[in-house]
Amino acid sequence: MPTIVHEVRATRTATPVLVQATEPVPGLFVYEQPDELRRPNQISPWRIGHQSGLVIANAMYESDAIRGAKKIADLADWTLPADELRRDVSPTELYEALSWANCDHPAYA
């Protein structure tokens, strides 16, 4: 899977940080959390992010993040804007599917 440059945002209004990422599912990116956004002693450095730059989930291993992105691929059209996805995707269904791939809500990082 080729790597591309992807913009990551800590919040919708934050200045973006550039990372190297893969896109296993259209609109979903897998990347390692950049140092400037990591918390001390963080044990889950891999992220599944939306094309908007916002994070969807975290994982301890890259392979889990890729598996998680593929697991949620059919839940939505991830190329849609984040606001539409927030309205249309059930967080419960999303994180239940991600848990099968050893991925967590980003608040648990």
C-alpha atoms as a PDB file:
ATOM      1  CA  MET A   1       0.000   0.000   0.000  1.00  0.00           C
ATOM      2  CA  PRO A   2       1.605   3.319  -1.019  1.00  0.00           C
ATOM      3  CA  THR A   3       2.080   6.067   1.542  1.00  0.00           C
ATOM      4  CA  ILE A   4       0.804   9.593   1.054  1.00  0.00           C
ATOM      5  CA  VAL A   5       1.000  12.838   3.007  1.00  0.00           C
ATOM      6  CA  HIS A   6      -2.088  13.329   5.175  1.00  0.00           C
ATOM      7  CA  GLU A   7      -3.090  16.322   7.338  1.00  0.00           C
ATOM      8  CA  VAL A   8      -3.931  15.441  10.942  1.00  0.00           C
ATOM      9  CA  ARG A   9      -5.838  17.784  13.268  1.00  0.00           C
ATOM     10  CA  ALA A  10      -6.149  17.523  17.045  1.00  0.00           C
ATOM     11  CA  THR A  11      -9.459  19.447  16.757  1.00  0.00           C
ATOM     12  CA  ARG A  12     -11.494  20.876  13.899  1.00  0.00           C
ATOM     13  CA  THR A  13      -9.860  24.297  14.365  1.00  0.00           C
ATOM     14  CA  ALA A  14      -6.299  23.164  15.167  1.00  0.00           C
ATOM     15  CA  THR A  15      -3.378  23.760  12.856  1.00  0.00           C
ATOM     16  CA  PRO A  16      -2.812  20.587  10.819  1.00  0.00           C
ATOM     17  CA  VAL A  17       0.253  18.384  11.231  1.00  0.00           C
ATOM     18  CA  LEU A  18       1.532  16.420   8.223  1.00  0.00           C
ATOM     19  CA  VAL A  19       2.084  12.653   8.524  1.00  0.00           C
ATOM     20  CA  GLN A  20       2.867   9.756   6.207  1.00  0.00           C
ATOM     21  CA  ALA A  21      -0.252   7.601   5.910  1.00  0.00           C
ATOM     22  CA  THR A  22      -1.854   4.799   3.948  1.00  0.00           C
ATOM     23  CA  GLU A  23      -5.456   4.779   2.738  1.00  0.00           C
ATOM     24  CA  PRO A  24      -6.768   1.205   3.156  1.00  0.00           C
ATOM     25  CA  VAL A  25     -10.361   2.411   2.619  1.00  0.00           C
ATOM     26  CA  PRO A  26     -11.356   5.491   0.595  1.00  0.00           C
ATOM     27  CA  GLY A  27     -11.586   8.396   3.030  1.00  0.00           C
ATOM     28  CA  LEU A  28      -9.882   6.522   5.919  1.00  0.00           C
ATOM     29  CA  PHE A  29      -6.175   6.891   6.653  1.00  0.00           C
ATOM     30  CA  VAL A  30      -3.856   4.878   8.894  1.00  0.00           C
ATOM     31  CA  TYR A  31      -0.852   6.663  10.361  1.00  0.00           C
ATOM     32  CA  GLU A  32       1.398   6.810  13.402  1.00  0.00           C
ATOM     33  CA  GLN A  33       0.472   9.608  15.784  1.00  0.00           C
ATOM     34  CA  PRO A  34       3.015  12.423  15.298  1.00  0.00           C
ATOM     35  CA  ASP A  35       5.291  13.187  18.252  1.00  0.00           C
ATOM     36  CA  GLU A  36       3.878  16.691  18.726  1.00  0.00           C
ATOM     37  CA  LEU A  37       0.394  15.243  19.343  1.00  0.00           C
ATOM     38  CA  ARG A  38       1.408  12.314  21.575  1.00  0.00           C
ATOM     39  CA  ARG A  39       0.802  12.198  25.279  1.00  0.00           C
ATOM     40  CA  PRO A  40       3.515  10.927  27.634  1.00  0.00           C
ATOM     41  CA  ASN A  41       3.544   7.119  27.962  1.00  0.00           C
ATOM     42  CA  GLN A  42       1.016   6.694  25.157  1.00  0.00           C
ATOM     43  CA  ILE A  43       0.725   2.987  24.317  1.00  0.00           C
ATOM     44  CA  SER A  44      -1.497   3.139  21.220  1.00  0.00           C
ATOM     45  CA  PRO A  45       0.369   5.238  18.660  1.00  0.00           C
ATOM     46  CA  TRP A  46      -1.477   4.141  15.514  1.00  0.00           C
ATOM     47  CA  ARG A  47      -4.530   6.019  14.290  1.00  0.00           C
ATOM     48  CA  ILE A  48      -7.420   5.551  11.923  1.00  0.00           C
ATOM     49  CA  GLY A  49      -8.229   9.018  10.688  1.00  0.00           C
ATOM     50  CA  HIS A  50     -10.868  10.547   8.478  1.00  0.00           C
ATOM     51  CA  GLN A  51      -9.943  12.522   5.377  1.00  0.00           C
ATOM     52  CA  SER A  52     -10.903  15.675   7.336  1.00  0.00           C
ATOM     53  CA  GLY A  53      -7.800  15.090   9.463  1.00  0.00           C
ATOM     54  CA  LEU A  54      -9.795  14.115  12.556  1.00  0.00           C
ATOM     55  CA  VAL A  55      -9.071  10.839  14.350  1.00  0.00           C
ATOM     56  CA  ILE A  56     -11.631   8.029  14.494  1.00  0.00           C
ATOM     57  CA  ALA A  57      -9.805   5.379  16.526  1.00  0.00           C
ATOM     58  CA  ASN A  58      -6.454   4.333  17.917  1.00  0.00           C
ATOM     59  CA  ALA A  59      -4.575   1.047  17.948  1.00  0.00           C
ATOM     60  CA  MET A  60      -1.404  -0.367  19.404  1.00  0.00           C
ATOM     61  CA  TYR A  61      -0.265  -1.812  16.064  1.00  0.00           C
ATOM     62  CA  GLU A  62      -0.456  -0.653  12.471  1.00  0.00           C
ATOM     63  CA  SER A  63      -1.959  -3.997  11.424  1.00  0.00           C
ATOM     64  CA  ASP A  64      -4.819  -3.521  13.921  1.00  0.00           C
ATOM     65  CA  ALA A  65      -5.499  -0.013  12.579  1.00  0.00           C
ATOM     66  CA  ILE A  66      -5.621  -1.309   8.999  1.00  0.00           C
ATOM     67  CA  ARG A  67      -7.895  -4.174  10.046  1.00  0.00           C
ATOM     68  CA  GLY A  68     -10.115  -1.684  11.925  1.00  0.00           C
ATOM     69  CA  ALA A  69     -10.420   0.595   8.892  1.00  0.00           C
ATOM     70  CA  LYS A  70     -11.451  -2.373   6.766  1.00  0.00           C
ATOM     71  CA  LYS A  71     -13.896  -3.544   9.448  1.00  0.00           C
ATOM     72  CA  ILE A  72     -15.789  -0.221   9.381  1.00  0.00           C
ATOM     73  CA  ALA A  73     -15.549   0.322   5.618  1.00  0.00           C
ATOM     74  CA  ASP A  74     -19.178  -0.643   4.991  1.00  0.00           C
ATOM     75  CA  LEU A  75     -20.647   1.474   7.812  1.00  0.00           C
ATOM     76  CA  ALA A  76     -20.505   4.687   5.780  1.00  0.00           C
ATOM     77  CA  ASP A  77     -19.169   6.485   2.767  1.00  0.00           C
ATOM     78  CA  TRP A  78     -16.030   7.756   4.500  1.00  0.00           C
ATOM     79  CA  THR A  79     -15.380  10.241   1.705  1.00  0.00           C
ATOM     80  CA  LEU A  80     -18.282  12.348   3.019  1.00  0.00           C
ATOM     81  CA  PRO A  81     -17.632  15.397   5.260  1.00  0.00           C
ATOM     82  CA  ALA A  82     -17.131  14.685   8.966  1.00  0.00           C
ATOM     83  CA  ASP A  83     -20.307  16.571   9.950  1.00  0.00           C
ATOM     84  CA  GLU A  84     -22.440  14.297   7.766  1.00  0.00           C
ATOM     85  CA  LEU A  85     -20.781  11.196   9.204  1.00  0.00           C
ATOM     86  CA  ARG A  86     -21.378  12.385  12.774  1.00  0.00           C
ATOM     87  CA  ARG A  87     -25.062  12.693  11.932  1.00  0.00           C
ATOM     88  CA  ASP A  88     -25.369   9.354  10.115  1.00  0.00           C
ATOM     89  CA  VAL A  89     -22.992   6.900  11.847  1.00  0.00           C
ATOM     90  CA  SER A  90     -23.899   5.339  15.183  1.00  0.00           C
ATOM     91  CA  PRO A  91     -20.946   5.702  17.592  1.00  0.00           C
ATOM     92  CA  THR A  92     -22.038   2.497  19.344  1.00  0.00           C
ATOM     93  CA  GLU A  93     -22.010   0.517  16.097  1.00  0.00           C
ATOM     94  CA  LEU A  94     -18.733   2.136  15.025  1.00  0.00           C
ATOM     95  CA  TYR A  95     -16.795   1.324  18.198  1.00  0.00           C
ATOM     96  CA  GLU A  96     -18.339  -2.133  18.512  1.00  0.00           C
ATOM     97  CA  ALA A  97     -17.015  -2.955  15.025  1.00  0.00           C
ATOM     98  CA  LEU A  98     -13.625  -1.392  15.805  1.00  0.00           C
ATOM     99  CA  SER A  99     -13.276  -3.381  19.029  1.00  0.00           C
ATOM    100  CA  TRP A 100     -13.158  -6.587  16.955  1.00  0.00           C
ATOM    101  CA  ALA A 101      -9.930  -5.265  15.417  1.00  0.00           C
ATOM    102  CA  ASN A 102      -8.375  -4.217  18.769  1.00  0.00           C
ATOM    103  CA  CYS A 103      -9.047  -0.531  18.096  1.00  0.00           C
ATOM    104  CA  ASP A 104     -10.350   1.929  20.667  1.00  0.00           C
ATOM    105  CA  HIS A 105     -12.067   5.279  20.922  1.00  0.00           C
ATOM    106  CA  PRO A 106      -9.362   7.994  20.663  1.00  0.00           C
ATOM    107  CA  ALA A 107     -10.174   9.197  24.200  1.00  0.00           C
ATOM    108  CA  TYR A 108      -8.711   5.908  25.469  1.00  0.00           C
ATOM    109  CA  ALA A 109      -5.265   6.510  23.953  1.00  0.00           C
END
